[in-house]
């Protein structure tokens, strides 16, 4: 799972820099890498001696994955930010009525996106809850969802 998540992260970073994907896709991929790595480390801790050299190396590798993921996300964000800084150009209508109309349109867009964000968050929560139930665990015993 870590390898697949890492592959997805690299693809997302490339696509975002090229303008074919969103920053949100990159963040989701980065979270998936972090989550998969954390699950792997927990599974290894359960079965391995926590003071063993192998476990210490595995923990160090997990930390390196986390740092590398953070660096990749930051680099992609900076590249995209440079592109956006060059592209952002807001023309403000100098007439009073035109300016009010323009502001209302921007507020409408913002509210629509906020609603979409809330709906997407609820959808993710439902997905995770269902996935957790499908694995045979009791969803009431987990605080992660």
C-alpha atoms as a PDB file:
ATOM      1  CA  UNK A   1       0.000   0.000   0.000  1.00  0.00           C
ATOM      2  CA  UNK A   2       2.851   2.385   0.746  1.00  0.00           C
ATOM      3  CA  UNK A   3       4.324   1.854  -2.718  1.00  0.00           C
ATOM      4  CA  UNK A   4       0.989   2.481  -4.444  1.00  0.00           C
ATOM      5  CA  UNK A   5       0.350   5.587  -2.357  1.00  0.00           C
ATOM      6  CA  UNK A   6       3.852   6.880  -3.094  1.00  0.00           C
ATOM      7  CA  UNK A   7       3.376   6.291  -6.820  1.00  0.00           C
ATOM      8  CA  UNK A   8       0.083   8.185  -6.659  1.00  0.00           C
ATOM      9  CA  UNK A   9       1.783  11.026  -4.790  1.00  0.00           C
ATOM     10  CA  UNK A  10       4.490  11.389  -7.429  1.00  0.00           C
ATOM     11  CA  UNK A  11       1.904  11.352 -10.215  1.00  0.00           C
ATOM     12  CA  UNK A  12      -0.184  13.956  -8.389  1.00  0.00           C
ATOM     13  CA  UNK A  13       2.808  16.239  -7.868  1.00  0.00           C
ATOM     14  CA  UNK A  14       3.782  16.014 -11.548  1.00  0.00           C
ATOM     15  CA  UNK A  15       0.218  16.582 -12.706  1.00  0.00           C
ATOM     16  CA  UNK A  16      -0.227  19.557 -10.374  1.00  0.00           C
ATOM     17  CA  UNK A  17       2.940  21.266 -11.536  1.00  0.00           C
ATOM     18  CA  UNK A  18       1.839  20.742 -15.152  1.00  0.00           C
ATOM     19  CA  UNK A  19      -1.602  22.152 -14.341  1.00  0.00           C
ATOM     20  CA  UNK A  20      -3.485  18.881 -14.836  1.00  0.00           C
ATOM     21  CA  UNK A  21      -4.365  18.243 -11.176  1.00  0.00           C
ATOM     22  CA  UNK A  22      -5.361  20.186  -8.117  1.00  0.00           C
ATOM     23  CA  UNK A  23      -3.424  20.911  -4.984  1.00  0.00           C
ATOM     24  CA  UNK A  24      -6.113  19.013  -3.091  1.00  0.00           C
ATOM     25  CA  UNK A  25      -5.276  15.844  -5.020  1.00  0.00           C
ATOM     26  CA  UNK A  26      -1.660  16.281  -3.984  1.00  0.00           C
ATOM     27  CA  UNK A  27      -2.633  16.732  -0.330  1.00  0.00           C
ATOM     28  CA  UNK A  28      -4.874  13.666  -0.430  1.00  0.00           C
ATOM     29  CA  UNK A  29      -2.059  11.609  -1.951  1.00  0.00           C
ATOM     30  CA  UNK A  30       0.390  12.871   0.675  1.00  0.00           C
ATOM     31  CA  UNK A  31      -2.036  11.970   3.465  1.00  0.00           C
ATOM     32  CA  UNK A  32      -2.438   8.510   1.962  1.00  0.00           C
ATOM     33  CA  UNK A  33       1.343   8.000   1.973  1.00  0.00           C
ATOM     34  CA  UNK A  34       1.553   9.148   5.581  1.00  0.00           C
ATOM     35  CA  UNK A  35      -1.350   6.922   6.597  1.00  0.00           C
ATOM     36  CA  UNK A  36      -0.044   3.851   4.795  1.00  0.00           C
ATOM     37  CA  UNK A  37       3.410   4.340   6.269  1.00  0.00           C
ATOM     38  CA  UNK A  38       1.964   4.762   9.755  1.00  0.00           C
ATOM     39  CA  UNK A  39      -0.103   1.571   9.373  1.00  0.00           C
ATOM     40  CA  UNK A  40       2.968  -0.337   8.241  1.00  0.00           C
ATOM     41  CA  UNK A  41       5.003   0.914  11.187  1.00  0.00           C
ATOM     42  CA  UNK A  42       2.270   0.014  13.679  1.00  0.00           C
ATOM     43  CA  UNK A  43       1.973  -3.482  12.217  1.00  0.00           C
ATOM     44  CA  UNK A  44       5.737  -3.940  12.479  1.00  0.00           C
ATOM     45  CA  UNK A  45       5.840  -2.654  16.049  1.00  0.00           C
ATOM     46  CA  UNK A  46       3.272  -5.237  17.068  1.00  0.00           C
ATOM     47  CA  UNK A  47       5.321  -8.118  15.679  1.00  0.00           C
ATOM     48  CA  UNK A  48       8.882  -6.893  16.184  1.00  0.00           C
ATOM     49  CA  UNK A  49      11.058  -6.136  19.171  1.00  0.00           C
ATOM     50  CA  UNK A  50      10.767  -2.348  19.606  1.00  0.00           C
ATOM     51  CA  UNK A  51      14.410  -2.100  20.678  1.00  0.00           C
ATOM     52  CA  UNK A  52      15.798  -4.121  17.797  1.00  0.00           C
ATOM     53  CA  UNK A  53      18.136  -2.591  15.256  1.00  0.00           C
ATOM     54  CA  UNK A  54      15.745  -3.517  12.453  1.00  0.00           C
ATOM     55  CA  UNK A  55      12.843  -1.741  14.155  1.00  0.00           C
ATOM     56  CA  UNK A  56      14.942   1.366  14.754  1.00  0.00           C
ATOM     57  CA  UNK A  57      15.955   1.395  11.092  1.00  0.00           C
ATOM     58  CA  UNK A  58      12.357   0.914  10.015  1.00  0.00           C
ATOM     59  CA  UNK A  59      11.272   3.814  12.219  1.00  0.00           C
ATOM     60  CA  UNK A  60      14.041   5.974  10.734  1.00  0.00           C
ATOM     61  CA  UNK A  61      12.898   5.002   7.239  1.00  0.00           C
ATOM     62  CA  UNK A  62       9.318   5.911   8.144  1.00  0.00           C
ATOM     63  CA  UNK A  63      10.492   9.311   9.355  1.00  0.00           C
ATOM     64  CA  UNK A  64      12.456   9.775   6.133  1.00  0.00           C
ATOM     65  CA  UNK A  65       9.329   8.969   4.093  1.00  0.00           C
ATOM     66  CA  UNK A  66       7.387  11.560   6.075  1.00  0.00           C
ATOM     67  CA  UNK A  67      10.046  14.237   5.533  1.00  0.00           C
ATOM     68  CA  UNK A  68      10.396  13.428   1.833  1.00  0.00           C
ATOM     69  CA  UNK A  69       6.620  13.617   1.387  1.00  0.00           C
ATOM     70  CA  UNK A  70       6.524  17.008   3.086  1.00  0.00           C
ATOM     71  CA  UNK A  71       9.373  18.292   0.892  1.00  0.00           C
ATOM     72  CA  UNK A  72       7.652  17.068  -2.277  1.00  0.00           C
ATOM     73  CA  UNK A  73       4.367  18.733  -1.331  1.00  0.00           C
ATOM     74  CA  UNK A  74       6.115  22.014  -0.481  1.00  0.00           C
ATOM     75  CA  UNK A  75       8.078  22.000  -3.742  1.00  0.00           C
ATOM     76  CA  UNK A  76       4.948  21.379  -5.790  1.00  0.00           C
ATOM     77  CA  UNK A  77       3.084  24.096  -3.885  1.00  0.00           C
ATOM     78  CA  UNK A  78       5.876  26.593  -4.492  1.00  0.00           C
ATOM     79  CA  UNK A  79       5.976  25.784  -8.198  1.00  0.00           C
ATOM     80  CA  UNK A  80       2.232  26.171  -8.485  1.00  0.00           C
ATOM     81  CA  UNK A  81       2.266  29.369  -6.416  1.00  0.00           C
ATOM     82  CA  UNK A  82       4.829  30.922  -8.757  1.00  0.00           C
ATOM     83  CA  UNK A  83       2.587  30.088 -11.705  1.00  0.00           C
ATOM     84  CA  UNK A  84      -0.511  31.442  -9.956  1.00  0.00           C
ATOM     85  CA  UNK A  85       1.234  34.649  -8.914  1.00  0.00           C
ATOM     86  CA  UNK A  86       1.925  35.301 -12.569  1.00  0.00           C
ATOM     87  CA  UNK A  87      -1.666  34.475 -13.599  1.00  0.00           C
ATOM     88  CA  UNK A  88      -3.684  36.295 -10.891  1.00  0.00           C
ATOM     89  CA  UNK A  89      -5.141  39.496 -12.199  1.00  0.00           C
ATOM     90  CA  UNK A  90      -8.325  40.845 -10.616  1.00  0.00           C
ATOM     91  CA  UNK A  91      -9.939  43.691 -12.491  1.00  0.00           C
ATOM     92  CA  UNK A  92     -12.174  45.666 -10.147  1.00  0.00           C
ATOM     93  CA  UNK A  93     -15.139  47.384 -11.713  1.00  0.00           C
ATOM     94  CA  UNK A  94     -14.794  51.064 -10.770  1.00  0.00           C
ATOM     95  CA  UNK A  95     -18.532  51.747 -10.900  1.00  0.00           C
ATOM     96  CA  UNK A  96     -20.300  51.361  -7.563  1.00  0.00           C
ATOM     97  CA  UNK A  97     -23.033  49.012  -8.820  1.00  0.00           C
ATOM     98  CA  UNK A  98     -20.567  46.996 -10.904  1.00  0.00           C
ATOM     99  CA  UNK A  99     -18.244  46.626  -7.905  1.00  0.00           C
ATOM    100  CA  UNK A 100     -21.065  45.436  -5.638  1.00  0.00           C
ATOM    101  CA  UNK A 101     -22.210  42.941  -8.271  1.00  0.00           C
ATOM    102  CA  UNK A 102     -18.651  41.665  -8.665  1.00  0.00           C
ATOM    103  CA  UNK A 103     -18.252  41.267  -4.901  1.00  0.00           C
ATOM    104  CA  UNK A 104     -21.535  39.362  -4.641  1.00  0.00           C
ATOM    105  CA  UNK A 105     -20.430  36.997  -7.406  1.00  0.00           C
ATOM    106  CA  UNK A 106     -17.169  36.306  -5.581  1.00  0.00           C
ATOM    107  CA  UNK A 107     -19.018  35.707  -2.305  1.00  0.00           C
ATOM    108  CA  UNK A 108     -21.435  33.376  -4.091  1.00  0.00           C
ATOM    109  CA  UNK A 109     -18.525  31.388  -5.512  1.00  0.00           C
ATOM    110  CA  UNK A 110     -16.903  31.201  -2.092  1.00  0.00           C
ATOM    111  CA  UNK A 111     -20.107  29.952  -0.412  1.00  0.00           C
ATOM    112  CA  UNK A 112     -20.639  27.365  -3.163  1.00  0.00           C
ATOM    113  CA  UNK A 113     -17.101  26.052  -2.690  1.00  0.00           C
ATOM    114  CA  UNK A 114     -17.525  25.964   1.090  1.00  0.00           C
ATOM    115  CA  UNK A 115     -20.695  23.893   0.657  1.00  0.00           C
ATOM    116  CA  UNK A 116     -18.881  21.560  -1.750  1.00  0.00           C
ATOM    117  CA  UNK A 117     -16.055  21.218   0.779  1.00  0.00           C
ATOM    118  CA  UNK A 118     -18.487  20.286   3.567  1.00  0.00           C
ATOM    119  CA  UNK A 119     -20.217  17.755   1.319  1.00  0.00           C
ATOM    120  CA  UNK A 120     -16.900  16.222   0.276  1.00  0.00           C
ATOM    121  CA  UNK A 121     -15.796  15.970   3.913  1.00  0.00           C
ATOM    122  CA  UNK A 122     -19.059  14.216   4.836  1.00  0.00           C
ATOM    123  CA  UNK A 123     -18.665  11.869   1.870  1.00  0.00           C
ATOM    124  CA  UNK A 124     -15.132  10.973   2.994  1.00  0.00           C
ATOM    125  CA  UNK A 125     -16.350  10.327   6.543  1.00  0.00           C
ATOM    126  CA  UNK A 126     -19.116   8.030   5.253  1.00  0.00           C
ATOM    127  CA  UNK A 127     -16.653   6.228   2.981  1.00  0.00           C
ATOM    128  CA  UNK A 128     -14.205   5.653   5.817  1.00  0.00           C
ATOM    129  CA  UNK A 129     -16.956   4.489   8.151  1.00  0.00           C
ATOM    130  CA  UNK A 130     -18.239   2.014   5.538  1.00  0.00           C
ATOM    131  CA  UNK A 131     -14.723   0.790   4.733  1.00  0.00           C
ATOM    132  CA  UNK A 132     -14.072   0.290   8.429  1.00  0.00           C
ATOM    133  CA  UNK A 133     -17.327  -1.653   8.847  1.00  0.00           C
ATOM    134  CA  UNK A 134     -16.459  -3.786   5.813  1.00  0.00           C
ATOM    135  CA  UNK A 135     -13.178  -4.840   7.442  1.00  0.00           C
ATOM    136  CA  UNK A 136     -15.135  -6.344  10.339  1.00  0.00           C
ATOM    137  CA  UNK A 137     -14.359  -3.758  13.004  1.00  0.00           C
ATOM    138  CA  UNK A 138     -16.877  -1.961  15.147  1.00  0.00           C
ATOM    139  CA  UNK A 139     -16.938   1.674  13.999  1.00  0.00           C
ATOM    140  CA  UNK A 140     -18.003   2.922  17.452  1.00  0.00           C
ATOM    141  CA  UNK A 141     -14.714   1.828  18.980  1.00  0.00           C
ATOM    142  CA  UNK A 142     -12.575   4.051  16.749  1.00  0.00           C
ATOM    143  CA  UNK A 143     -11.997   7.737  17.346  1.00  0.00           C
ATOM    144  CA  UNK A 144     -10.139   8.146  14.049  1.00  0.00           C
ATOM    145  CA  UNK A 145     -13.342   8.471  12.049  1.00  0.00           C
END
